[in-house]
PDB file of N, CA and C in Angstrom:
ATOM      1  N   MET A   1      12.247  -7.843 -26.065  1.00  0.00           N
ATOM      2  CA  MET A   1      11.169  -6.887 -25.919  1.00  0.00           C
ATOM      3  C   MET A   1      10.491  -7.012 -24.555  1.00  0.00           C
ATOM      4  N   MET A   2      10.201  -8.262 -24.139  1.00  0.00           N
ATOM      5  CA  MET A   2       9.538  -8.468 -22.855  1.00  0.00           C
ATOM      6  C   MET A   2      10.464  -8.119 -21.698  1.00  0.00           C
ATOM      7  N   ASP A   3      11.769  -8.346 -21.883  1.00  0.00           N
ATOM      8  CA  ASP A   3      12.717  -7.978 -20.826  1.00  0.00           C
ATOM      9  C   ASP A   3      12.768  -6.466 -20.638  1.00  0.00           C
ATOM     10  N   THR A   4      12.722  -5.742 -21.723  1.00  0.00           N
ATOM     11  CA  THR A   4      12.726  -4.281 -21.644  1.00  0.00           C
ATOM     12  C   THR A   4      11.442  -3.780 -20.979  1.00  0.00           C
ATOM     13  N   LEU A   5      10.315  -4.322 -21.391  1.00  0.00           N
ATOM     14  CA  LEU A   5       9.037  -3.932 -20.788  1.00  0.00           C
ATOM     15  C   LEU A   5       9.014  -4.291 -19.301  1.00  0.00           C
ATOM     16  N   GLY A   6       9.520  -5.471 -18.979  1.00  0.00           N
ATOM     17  CA  GLY A   6       9.599  -5.867 -17.577  1.00  0.00           C
ATOM     18  C   GLY A   6      10.485  -4.940 -16.768  1.00  0.00           C
ATOM     19  N   GLY A   7      11.621  -4.527 -17.350  1.00  0.00           N
ATOM     20  CA  GLY A   7      12.509  -3.596 -16.660  1.00  0.00           C
ATOM     21  C   GLY A   7      11.866  -2.240 -16.435  1.00  0.00           C
ATOM     22  N   VAL A   8      11.141  -1.757 -17.415  1.00  0.00           N
ATOM     23  CA  VAL A   8      10.452  -0.469 -17.286  1.00  0.00           C
ATOM     24  C   VAL A   8       9.390  -0.546 -16.187  1.00  0.00           C
ATOM     25  N   VAL A   9       8.636  -1.639 -16.161  1.00  0.00           N
ATOM     26  CA  VAL A   9       7.598  -1.806 -15.141  1.00  0.00           C
ATOM     27  C   VAL A   9       8.240  -1.917 -13.751  1.00  0.00           C
ATOM     28  N   LEU A  10       9.384  -2.596 -13.653  1.00  0.00           N
ATOM     29  CA  LEU A  10      10.097  -2.685 -12.378  1.00  0.00           C
ATOM     30  C   LEU A  10      10.530  -1.307 -11.885  1.00  0.00           C
ATOM     31  N   VAL A  11      11.041  -0.491 -12.782  1.00  0.00           N
ATOM     32  CA  VAL A  11      11.481   0.856 -12.399  1.00  0.00           C
ATOM     33  C   VAL A  11      10.288   1.715 -11.980  1.00  0.00           C
ATOM     34  N   ILE A  12       9.190   1.627 -12.700  1.00  0.00           N
ATOM     35  CA  ILE A  12       8.001   2.404 -12.338  1.00  0.00           C
ATOM     36  C   ILE A  12       7.470   1.964 -10.974  1.00  0.00           C
ATOM     37  N   GLY A  13       7.444   0.661 -10.708  1.00  0.00           N
ATOM     38  CA  GLY A  13       7.019   0.174  -9.406  1.00  0.00           C
ATOM     39  C   GLY A  13       7.924   0.662  -8.293  1.00  0.00           C
ATOM     40  N   SER A  14       9.225   0.667  -8.547  1.00  0.00           N
ATOM     41  CA  SER A  14      10.170   1.178  -7.552  1.00  0.00           C
ATOM     42  C   SER A  14       9.963   2.666  -7.300  1.00  0.00           C
ATOM     43  N   LEU A  15       9.655   3.413  -8.337  1.00  0.00           N
ATOM     44  CA  LEU A  15       9.387   4.845  -8.171  1.00  0.00           C
ATOM     45  C   LEU A  15       8.124   5.092  -7.354  1.00  0.00           C
ATOM     46  N   PHE A  16       7.096   4.259  -7.541  1.00  0.00           N
ATOM     47  CA  PHE A  16       5.892   4.386  -6.721  1.00  0.00           C
ATOM     48  C   PHE A  16       6.212   4.178  -5.248  1.00  0.00           C
ATOM     49  N   ILE A  17       7.034   3.185  -4.959  1.00  0.00           N
ATOM     50  CA  ILE A  17       7.393   2.928  -3.564  1.00  0.00           C
ATOM     51  C   ILE A  17       8.236   4.077  -3.013  1.00  0.00           C
ATOM     52  N   LEU A  18       9.143   4.607  -3.815  1.00  0.00           N
ATOM     53  CA  LEU A  18       9.949   5.749  -3.385  1.00  0.00           C
ATOM     54  C   LEU A  18       9.074   6.974  -3.112  1.00  0.00           C
ATOM     55  N   LEU A  19       8.144   7.255  -4.003  1.00  0.00           N
ATOM     56  CA  LEU A  19       7.245   8.398  -3.802  1.00  0.00           C
ATOM     57  C   LEU A  19       6.339   8.201  -2.589  1.00  0.00           C
ATOM     58  N   ALA A  20       5.942   6.969  -2.324  1.00  0.00           N
ATOM     59  CA  ALA A  20       5.133   6.698  -1.130  1.00  0.00           C
ATOM     60  C   ALA A  20       5.942   6.962   0.134  1.00  0.00           C
ATOM     61  N   ALA A  21       7.211   6.604   0.115  1.00  0.00           N
ATOM     62  CA  ALA A  21       8.064   6.867   1.281  1.00  0.00           C
ATOM     63  C   ALA A  21       8.248   8.367   1.487  1.00  0.00           C
ATOM     64  N   VAL A  22       8.443   9.098   0.410  1.00  0.00           N
ATOM     65  CA  VAL A  22       8.570  10.553   0.516  1.00  0.00           C
ATOM     66  C   VAL A  22       7.262  11.159   1.035  1.00  0.00           C
ATOM     67  N   GLY A  23       6.135  10.671   0.545  1.00  0.00           N
ATOM     68  CA  GLY A  23       4.849  11.163   1.014  1.00  0.00           C
ATOM     69  C   GLY A  23       4.612  10.858   2.481  1.00  0.00           C
ATOM     70  N   ALA A  24       5.028   9.673   2.921  1.00  0.00           N
ATOM     71  CA  ALA A  24       4.857   9.320   4.333  1.00  0.00           C
ATOM     72  C   ALA A  24       5.708  10.209   5.231  1.00  0.00           C
ATOM     73  N   LEU A  25       6.808  10.698   4.718  1.00  0.00           N
ATOM     74  CA  LEU A  25       7.647  11.606   5.507  1.00  0.00           C
ATOM     75  C   LEU A  25       7.190  13.052   5.443  1.00  0.00           C
ATOM     76  N   ARG A  26       6.633  13.469   4.321  1.00  0.00           N
ATOM     77  CA  ARG A  26       6.344  14.884   4.105  1.00  0.00           C
ATOM     78  C   ARG A  26       4.941  15.320   4.537  1.00  0.00           C
ATOM     79  N   PHE A  27       3.970  14.425   4.486  1.00  0.00           N
ATOM     80  CA  PHE A  27       2.606  14.819   4.837  1.00  0.00           C
ATOM     81  C   PHE A  27       2.512  15.157   6.318  1.00  0.00           C
ATOM     82  N   ASP A  28       1.643  16.110   6.645  1.00  0.00           N
ATOM     83  CA  ASP A  28       1.492  16.554   8.021  1.00  0.00           C
ATOM     84  C   ASP A  28       0.463  15.732   8.792  1.00  0.00           C
ATOM     85  N   HIS A  29      -0.641  15.435   8.179  1.00  0.00           N
ATOM     86  CA  HIS A  29      -1.761  14.770   8.854  1.00  0.00           C
ATOM     87  C   HIS A  29      -1.496  13.265   8.913  1.00  0.00           C
ATOM     88  N   ILE A  30      -1.821  12.649  10.040  1.00  0.00           N
ATOM     89  CA  ILE A  30      -1.530  11.227  10.235  1.00  0.00           C
ATOM     90  C   ILE A  30      -2.262  10.349   9.232  1.00  0.00           C
ATOM     91  N   TYR A  31      -3.496  10.715   8.878  1.00  0.00           N
ATOM     92  CA  TYR A  31      -4.243   9.904   7.934  1.00  0.00           C
ATOM     93  C   TYR A  31      -3.690  10.043   6.513  1.00  0.00           C
ATOM     94  N   ALA A  32      -3.190  11.196   6.170  1.00  0.00           N
ATOM     95  CA  ALA A  32      -2.545  11.359   4.871  1.00  0.00           C
ATOM     96  C   ALA A  32      -1.258  10.539   4.805  1.00  0.00           C
ATOM     97  N   ARG A  33      -0.527  10.490   5.894  1.00  0.00           N
ATOM     98  CA  ARG A  33       0.679   9.658   5.938  1.00  0.00           C
ATOM     99  C   ARG A  33       0.334   8.187   5.787  1.00  0.00           C
ATOM    100  N   MET A  34      -0.724   7.776   6.465  1.00  0.00           N
ATOM    101  CA  MET A  34      -1.133   6.374   6.350  1.00  0.00           C
ATOM    102  C   MET A  34      -1.582   6.052   4.929  1.00  0.00           C
ATOM    103  N   HIS A  35      -2.260   6.972   4.294  1.00  0.00           N
ATOM    104  CA  HIS A  35      -2.698   6.765   2.913  1.00  0.00           C
ATOM    105  C   HIS A  35      -1.492   6.594   1.997  1.00  0.00           C
ATOM    106  N   ALA A  36      -0.495   7.456   2.168  1.00  0.00           N
ATOM    107  CA  ALA A  36       0.708   7.357   1.343  1.00  0.00           C
ATOM    108  C   ALA A  36       1.464   6.065   1.627  1.00  0.00           C
ATOM    109  N   ALA A  37       1.483   5.646   2.881  1.00  0.00           N
ATOM    110  CA  ALA A  37       2.219   4.439   3.248  1.00  0.00           C
ATOM    111  C   ALA A  37       1.483   3.162   2.854  1.00  0.00           C
ATOM    112  N   ALA A  38       0.215   3.255   2.502  1.00  0.00           N
ATOM    113  CA  ALA A  38      -0.542   2.058   2.142  1.00  0.00           C
ATOM    114  C   ALA A  38      -0.784   1.945   0.636  1.00  0.00           C
ATOM    115  N   LYS A  39      -1.191   3.018   0.022  1.00  0.00           N
ATOM    116  CA  LYS A  39      -1.601   2.934  -1.385  1.00  0.00           C
ATOM    117  C   LYS A  39      -0.420   2.877  -2.348  1.00  0.00           C
ATOM    118  N   GLY A  40       0.580   3.696  -2.119  1.00  0.00           N
ATOM    119  CA  GLY A  40       1.739   3.714  -3.011  1.00  0.00           C
ATOM    120  C   GLY A  40       2.487   2.398  -3.057  1.00  0.00           C
ATOM    121  N   PRO A  41       2.845   1.831  -1.915  1.00  0.00           N
ATOM    122  CA  PRO A  41       3.528   0.538  -1.955  1.00  0.00           C
ATOM    123  C   PRO A  41       2.674  -0.592  -2.515  1.00  0.00           C
ATOM    124  N   ALA A  42       1.369  -0.524  -2.334  1.00  0.00           N
ATOM    125  CA  ALA A  42       0.511  -1.571  -2.900  1.00  0.00           C
ATOM    126  C   ALA A  42       0.622  -1.577  -4.422  1.00  0.00           C
ATOM    127  N   LEU A  43       0.533  -0.400  -5.026  1.00  0.00           N
ATOM    128  CA  LEU A  43       0.684  -0.317  -6.481  1.00  0.00           C
ATOM    129  C   LEU A  43       2.118  -0.624  -6.896  1.00  0.00           C
ATOM    130  N   GLY A  44       3.081  -0.190  -6.085  1.00  0.00           N
ATOM    131  CA  GLY A  44       4.481  -0.472  -6.388  1.00  0.00           C
ATOM    132  C   GLY A  44       4.785  -1.959  -6.370  1.00  0.00           C
ATOM    133  N   VAL A  45       4.279  -2.674  -5.372  1.00  0.00           N
ATOM    134  CA  VAL A  45       4.505  -4.124  -5.296  1.00  0.00           C
ATOM    135  C   VAL A  45       3.805  -4.820  -6.455  1.00  0.00           C
ATOM    136  N   LEU A  46       2.627  -4.354  -6.813  1.00  0.00           N
ATOM    137  CA  LEU A  46       1.915  -4.926  -7.954  1.00  0.00           C
ATOM    138  C   LEU A  46       2.737  -4.766  -9.233  1.00  0.00           C
ATOM    139  N   LEU A  47       3.273  -3.578  -9.451  1.00  0.00           N
ATOM    140  CA  LEU A  47       4.074  -3.342 -10.656  1.00  0.00           C
ATOM    141  C   LEU A  47       5.402  -4.099 -10.621  1.00  0.00           C
ATOM    142  N   ILE A  48       6.029  -4.182  -9.458  1.00  0.00           N
ATOM    143  CA  ILE A  48       7.278  -4.932  -9.360  1.00  0.00           C
ATOM    144  C   ILE A  48       7.022  -6.416  -9.615  1.00  0.00           C
ATOM    145  N   GLY A  49       5.923  -6.934  -9.086  1.00  0.00           N
ATOM    146  CA  GLY A  49       5.580  -8.328  -9.363  1.00  0.00           C
ATOM    147  C   GLY A  49       5.298  -8.569 -10.833  1.00  0.00           C
ATOM    148  N   LEU A  50       4.588  -7.649 -11.467  1.00  0.00           N
ATOM    149  CA  LEU A  50       4.312  -7.767 -12.896  1.00  0.00           C
ATOM    150  C   LEU A  50       5.606  -7.706 -13.703  1.00  0.00           C
ATOM    151  N   GLY A  51       6.495  -6.789 -13.328  1.00  0.00           N
ATOM    152  CA  GLY A  51       7.773  -6.692 -14.019  1.00  0.00           C
ATOM    153  C   GLY A  51       8.628  -7.935 -13.839  1.00  0.00           C
ATOM    154  N   THR A  52       8.587  -8.503 -12.654  1.00  0.00           N
ATOM    155  CA  THR A  52       9.326  -9.735 -12.401  1.00  0.00           C
ATOM    156  C   THR A  52       8.761 -10.886 -13.227  1.00  0.00           C
ATOM    157  N   ALA A  53       7.446 -10.997 -13.274  1.00  0.00           N
ATOM    158  CA  ALA A  53       6.824 -12.060 -14.072  1.00  0.00           C
ATOM    159  C   ALA A  53       7.130 -11.883 -15.555  1.00  0.00           C
ATOM    160  N   LEU A  54       7.148 -10.639 -16.032  1.00  0.00           N
ATOM    161  CA  LEU A  54       7.478 -10.405 -17.440  1.00  0.00           C
ATOM    162  C   LEU A  54       8.941 -10.717 -17.741  1.00  0.00           C
ATOM    163  N   THR A  55       9.797 -10.503 -16.774  1.00  0.00           N
ATOM    164  CA  THR A  55      11.230 -10.733 -16.982  1.00  0.00           C
ATOM    165  C   THR A  55      11.569 -12.222 -16.897  1.00  0.00           C
ATOM    166  N   ILE A  56      11.040 -12.916 -15.910  1.00  0.00           N
ATOM    167  CA  ILE A  56      11.395 -14.326 -15.701  1.00  0.00           C
ATOM    168  C   ILE A  56      10.653 -15.243 -16.672  1.00  0.00           C
ATOM    169  N   ARG A  57       9.362 -15.028 -16.847  1.00  0.00           N
ATOM    170  CA  ARG A  57       8.536 -15.772 -17.806  1.00  0.00           C
ATOM    171  C   ARG A  57       8.551 -17.289 -17.598  1.00  0.00           C
ATOM    172  N   SER A  58       8.379 -17.734 -16.378  1.00  0.00           N
ATOM    173  CA  SER A  58       8.198 -19.166 -16.133  1.00  0.00           C
ATOM    174  C   SER A  58       6.961 -19.342 -15.250  1.00  0.00           C
ATOM    175  N   ALA A  59       6.306 -20.476 -15.389  1.00  0.00           N
ATOM    176  CA  ALA A  59       5.054 -20.710 -14.660  1.00  0.00           C
ATOM    177  C   ALA A  59       5.255 -20.724 -13.144  1.00  0.00           C
ATOM    178  N   PRO A  60       6.257 -21.427 -12.609  1.00  0.00           N
ATOM    179  CA  PRO A  60       6.412 -21.405 -11.146  1.00  0.00           C
ATOM    180  C   PRO A  60       6.720 -20.008 -10.597  1.00  0.00           C
ATOM    181  N   ALA A  61       7.515 -19.253 -11.324  1.00  0.00           N
ATOM    182  CA  ALA A  61       7.836 -17.896 -10.876  1.00  0.00           C
ATOM    183  C   ALA A  61       6.600 -17.004 -10.928  1.00  0.00           C
ATOM    184  N   THR A  62       5.789 -17.160 -11.948  1.00  0.00           N
ATOM    185  CA  THR A  62       4.576 -16.360 -12.066  1.00  0.00           C
ATOM    186  C   THR A  62       3.594 -16.693 -10.944  1.00  0.00           C
ATOM    187  N   VAL A  63       3.491 -17.971 -10.597  1.00  0.00           N
ATOM    188  CA  VAL A  63       2.615 -18.367  -9.493  1.00  0.00           C
ATOM    189  C   VAL A  63       3.134 -17.780  -8.179  1.00  0.00           C
ATOM    190  N   ALA A  64       4.438 -17.849  -7.960  1.00  0.00           N
ATOM    191  CA  ALA A  64       5.021 -17.302  -6.735  1.00  0.00           C
ATOM    192  C   ALA A  64       4.830 -15.795  -6.656  1.00  0.00           C
ATOM    193  N   VAL A  65       5.033 -15.114  -7.763  1.00  0.00           N
ATOM    194  CA  VAL A  65       4.860 -13.660  -7.794  1.00  0.00           C
ATOM    195  C   VAL A  65       3.398 -13.298  -7.542  1.00  0.00           C
ATOM    196  N   THR A  66       2.477 -14.037  -8.120  1.00  0.00           N
ATOM    197  CA  THR A  66       1.055 -13.781  -7.896  1.00  0.00           C
ATOM    198  C   THR A  66       0.692 -13.980  -6.430  1.00  0.00           C
ATOM    199  N   LEU A  67       1.224 -15.021  -5.814  1.00  0.00           N
ATOM    200  CA  LEU A  67       0.978 -15.260  -4.399  1.00  0.00           C
ATOM    201  C   LEU A  67       1.535 -14.126  -3.537  1.00  0.00           C
ATOM    202  N   VAL A  68       2.731 -13.671  -3.857  1.00  0.00           N
ATOM    203  CA  VAL A  68       3.330 -12.558  -3.115  1.00  0.00           C
ATOM    204  C   VAL A  68       2.485 -11.299  -3.251  1.00  0.00           C
ATOM    205  N   ILE A  69       2.022 -11.008  -4.451  1.00  0.00           N
ATOM    206  CA  ILE A  69       1.207  -9.810  -4.681  1.00  0.00           C
ATOM    207  C   ILE A  69      -0.094  -9.888  -3.889  1.00  0.00           C
ATOM    208  N   VAL A  70      -0.775 -11.010  -3.954  1.00  0.00           N
ATOM    209  CA  VAL A  70      -2.058 -11.160  -3.258  1.00  0.00           C
ATOM    210  C   VAL A  70      -1.859 -11.028  -1.754  1.00  0.00           C
ATOM    211  N   LEU A  71      -0.858 -11.704  -1.203  1.00  0.00           N
ATOM    212  CA  LEU A  71      -0.621 -11.621   0.238  1.00  0.00           C
ATOM    213  C   LEU A  71      -0.211 -10.219   0.660  1.00  0.00           C
ATOM    214  N   GLN A  72       0.575  -9.544  -0.153  1.00  0.00           N
ATOM    215  CA  GLN A  72       0.990  -8.180   0.173  1.00  0.00           C
ATOM    216  C   GLN A  72      -0.206  -7.225   0.154  1.00  0.00           C
ATOM    217  N   LEU A  73      -1.088  -7.375  -0.807  1.00  0.00           N
ATOM    218  CA  LEU A  73      -2.265  -6.508  -0.869  1.00  0.00           C
ATOM    219  C   LEU A  73      -3.190  -6.755   0.317  1.00  0.00           C
ATOM    220  N   ILE A  74      -3.340  -8.010   0.733  1.00  0.00           N
ATOM    221  CA  ILE A  74      -4.204  -8.314   1.884  1.00  0.00           C
ATOM    222  C   ILE A  74      -3.596  -7.774   3.166  1.00  0.00           C
ATOM    223  N   THR A  75      -2.311  -8.066   3.409  1.00  0.00           N
ATOM    224  CA  THR A  75      -1.698  -7.641   4.668  1.00  0.00           C
ATOM    225  C   THR A  75      -1.529  -6.130   4.730  1.00  0.00           C
ATOM    226  N   GLY A  76      -1.306  -5.485   3.601  1.00  0.00           N
ATOM    227  CA  GLY A  76      -1.197  -4.024   3.603  1.00  0.00           C
ATOM    228  C   GLY A  76      -2.496  -3.357   3.995  1.00  0.00           C
ATOM    229  N   ALA A  77      -3.603  -3.867   3.480  1.00  0.00           N
ATOM    230  CA  ALA A  77      -4.908  -3.293   3.823  1.00  0.00           C
ATOM    231  C   ALA A  77      -5.250  -3.530   5.291  1.00  0.00           C
ATOM    232  N   VAL A  78      -4.998  -4.729   5.776  1.00  0.00           N
ATOM    233  CA  VAL A  78      -5.297  -5.040   7.175  1.00  0.00           C
ATOM    234  C   VAL A  78      -4.400  -4.231   8.105  1.00  0.00           C
ATOM    235  N   GLY A  79      -3.127  -4.119   7.761  1.00  0.00           N
ATOM    236  CA  GLY A  79      -2.205  -3.337   8.586  1.00  0.00           C
ATOM    237  C   GLY A  79      -2.571  -1.868   8.643  1.00  0.00           C
ATOM    238  N   SER A  80      -2.973  -1.302   7.520  1.00  0.00           N
ATOM    239  CA  SER A  80      -3.387   0.103   7.501  1.00  0.00           C
ATOM    240  C   SER A  80      -4.647   0.319   8.325  1.00  0.00           C
ATOM    241  N   HIS A  81      -5.566  -0.612   8.233  1.00  0.00           N
ATOM    242  CA  HIS A  81      -6.795  -0.508   9.020  1.00  0.00           C
ATOM    243  C   HIS A  81      -6.477  -0.557  10.516  1.00  0.00           C
ATOM    244  N   MET A  82      -5.646  -1.485  10.914  1.00  0.00           N
ATOM    245  CA  MET A  82      -5.304  -1.616  12.336  1.00  0.00           C
ATOM    246  C   MET A  82      -4.530  -0.394  12.833  1.00  0.00           C
ATOM    247  N   LEU A  83      -3.638   0.132  12.020  1.00  0.00           N
ATOM    248  CA  LEU A  83      -2.887   1.324  12.396  1.00  0.00           C
ATOM    249  C   LEU A  83      -3.816   2.528  12.547  1.00  0.00           C
ATOM    250  N   GLY A  84      -4.732   2.702  11.619  1.00  0.00           N
ATOM    251  CA  GLY A  84      -5.678   3.807  11.701  1.00  0.00           C
ATOM    252  C   GLY A  84      -6.569   3.715  12.919  1.00  0.00           C
ATOM    253  N   ARG A  85      -7.015   2.524  13.222  1.00  0.00           N
ATOM    254  CA  ARG A  85      -7.864   2.340  14.397  1.00  0.00           C
ATOM    255  C   ARG A  85      -7.083   2.609  15.676  1.00  0.00           C
ATOM    256  N   SER A  86      -5.833   2.182  15.705  1.00  0.00           N
ATOM    257  CA  SER A  86      -4.987   2.421  16.873  1.00  0.00           C
ATOM    258  C   SER A  86      -4.733   3.913  17.072  1.00  0.00           C
ATOM    259  N   VAL A  87      -4.459   4.611  15.984  1.00  0.00           N
ATOM    260  CA  VAL A  87      -4.234   6.058  16.066  1.00  0.00           C
ATOM    261  C   VAL A  87      -5.497   6.750  16.557  1.00  0.00           C
ATOM    262  N   TYR A  88      -6.645   6.349  16.041  1.00  0.00           N
ATOM    263  CA  TYR A  88      -7.906   6.973  16.440  1.00  0.00           C
ATOM    264  C   TYR A  88      -8.168   6.774  17.930  1.00  0.00           C
ATOM    265  N   ARG A  89      -7.944   5.557  18.404  1.00  0.00           N
ATOM    266  CA  ARG A  89      -8.243   5.257  19.802  1.00  0.00           C
ATOM    267  C   ARG A  89      -7.238   5.851  20.776  1.00  0.00           C
ATOM    268  N   SER A  90      -6.000   6.066  20.351  1.00  0.00           N
ATOM    269  CA  SER A  90      -4.990   6.536  21.305  1.00  0.00           C
ATOM    270  C   SER A  90      -4.863   8.055  21.352  1.00  0.00           C
ATOM    271  N   ILE A  91      -4.889   8.740  20.195  1.00  0.00           N
ATOM    272  CA  ILE A  91      -4.646  10.186  20.234  1.00  0.00           C
ATOM    273  C   ILE A  91      -5.814  11.023  19.737  1.00  0.00           C
ATOM    274  N   HIS A  92      -6.840  10.416  19.182  1.00  0.00           N
ATOM    275  CA  HIS A  92      -8.008  11.141  18.669  1.00  0.00           C
ATOM    276  C   HIS A  92      -7.601  12.350  17.813  1.00  0.00           C
ATOM    277  N   PRO A  93      -7.017  12.108  16.641  1.00  0.00           N
ATOM    278  CA  PRO A  93      -6.635  13.230  15.787  1.00  0.00           C
ATOM    279  C   PRO A  93      -7.869  13.975  15.273  1.00  0.00           C
ATOM    280  N   PRO A  94      -7.704  15.250  14.961  1.00  0.00           N
ATOM    281  CA  PRO A  94      -8.852  16.017  14.452  1.00  0.00           C
ATOM    282  C   PRO A  94      -9.294  15.496  13.091  1.00  0.00           C
ATOM    283  N   LEU A  95     -10.594  15.499  12.880  1.00  0.00           N
ATOM    284  CA  LEU A  95     -11.166  15.033  11.622  1.00  0.00           C
ATOM    285  C   LEU A  95     -11.773  16.202  10.868  1.00  0.00           C
ATOM    286  N   ASP A  96     -11.878  16.067   9.564  1.00  0.00           N
ATOM    287  CA  ASP A  96     -12.459  17.120   8.732  1.00  0.00           C
ATOM    288  C   ASP A  96     -13.981  17.030   8.668  1.00  0.00           C
ATOM    289  N   GLY A  97     -14.542  15.875   8.975  1.00  0.00           N
ATOM    290  CA  GLY A  97     -15.981  15.675   8.865  1.00  0.00           C
ATOM    291  C   GLY A  97     -16.546  15.089  10.143  1.00  0.00           C
ATOM    292  N   PRO A  98     -17.754  14.549  10.060  1.00  0.00           N
ATOM    293  CA  PRO A  98     -18.376  13.963  11.258  1.00  0.00           C
ATOM    294  C   PRO A  98     -17.620  12.714  11.710  1.00  0.00           C
ATOM    295  N   ASP A  99     -17.625  12.468  13.000  1.00  0.00           N
ATOM    296  CA  ASP A  99     -16.922  11.331  13.579  1.00  0.00           C
ATOM    297  C   ASP A  99     -17.907  10.172  13.738  1.00  0.00           C
ATOM    298  N   GLU A 100     -18.051   9.371  12.688  1.00  0.00           N
ATOM    299  CA  GLU A 100     -19.015   8.285  12.690  1.00  0.00           C
ATOM    300  C   GLU A 100     -18.591   7.148  13.614  1.00  0.00           C
ATOM    301  N   LEU A 101     -17.302   6.943  13.784  1.00  0.00           N
ATOM    302  CA  LEU A 101     -16.842   5.871  14.654  1.00  0.00           C
ATOM    303  C   LEU A 101     -17.172   6.164  16.112  1.00  0.00           C
ATOM    304  N   ALA A 102     -17.039   7.407  16.543  1.00  0.00           N
ATOM    305  CA  ALA A 102     -17.381   7.763  17.925  1.00  0.00           C
ATOM    306  C   ALA A 102     -18.873   7.588  18.155  1.00  0.00           C
ATOM    307  N   GLU A 103     -19.678   7.946  17.166  1.00  0.00           N
ATOM    308  CA  GLU A 103     -21.118   7.774  17.295  1.00  0.00           C
ATOM    309  C   GLU A 103     -21.478   6.295  17.416  1.00  0.00           C
ATOM    310  N   ARG A 104     -20.797   5.454  16.665  1.00  0.00           N
ATOM    311  CA  ARG A 104     -21.083   4.019  16.697  1.00  0.00           C
ATOM    312  C   ARG A 104     -20.615   3.397  18.017  1.00  0.00           C
ATOM    313  N   GLU A 105     -19.438   3.799  18.525  1.00  0.00           N
ATOM    314  CA  GLU A 105     -18.930   3.245  19.769  1.00  0.00           C
ATOM    315  C   GLU A 105     -19.734   3.708  20.975  1.00  0.00           C
ATOM    316  N   ASN A 106     -20.323   4.889  20.896  1.00  0.00           N
ATOM    317  CA  ASN A 106     -21.116   5.406  22.017  1.00  0.00           C
ATOM    318  C   ASN A 106     -22.487   4.732  22.114  1.00  0.00           C
ATOM    319  N   THR A 107     -22.982   4.172  21.012  1.00  0.00           N
ATOM    320  CA  THR A 107     -24.280   3.526  21.039  1.00  0.00           C
ATOM    321  C   THR A 107     -24.191   2.103  21.558  1.00  0.00           C
ATOM    322  N   ASN A 108     -23.019   1.502  21.549  1.00  0.00           N
ATOM    323  CA  ASN A 108     -22.856   0.109  22.019  1.00  0.00           C
ATOM    324  C   ASN A 108     -22.599   0.059  23.498  1.00  0.00           C
TER     325      ASN A 108
END
């Protein structure tokens, strides 16, 4: 039963990553692409790690999977932030609302 549930969770996690890749290719706006490239894989890695832990069911494997998930979530968020800041500073893409970062950088 747990192997079947683990397999289903693994497939769902893989589908999230696949859909994130499709979204990163299909979206027009750079920030929408970054959102797809950051949020989808984060949930996909979380589900793949959960599926792996459910399938293997050993304490060392669960600890390793938890460590991988935590590190992936941290590095994904930091990488997306750095990419967004780099895009903003290099090409100044159009924004839908007020540009709070420009206001903050101009006051310093």
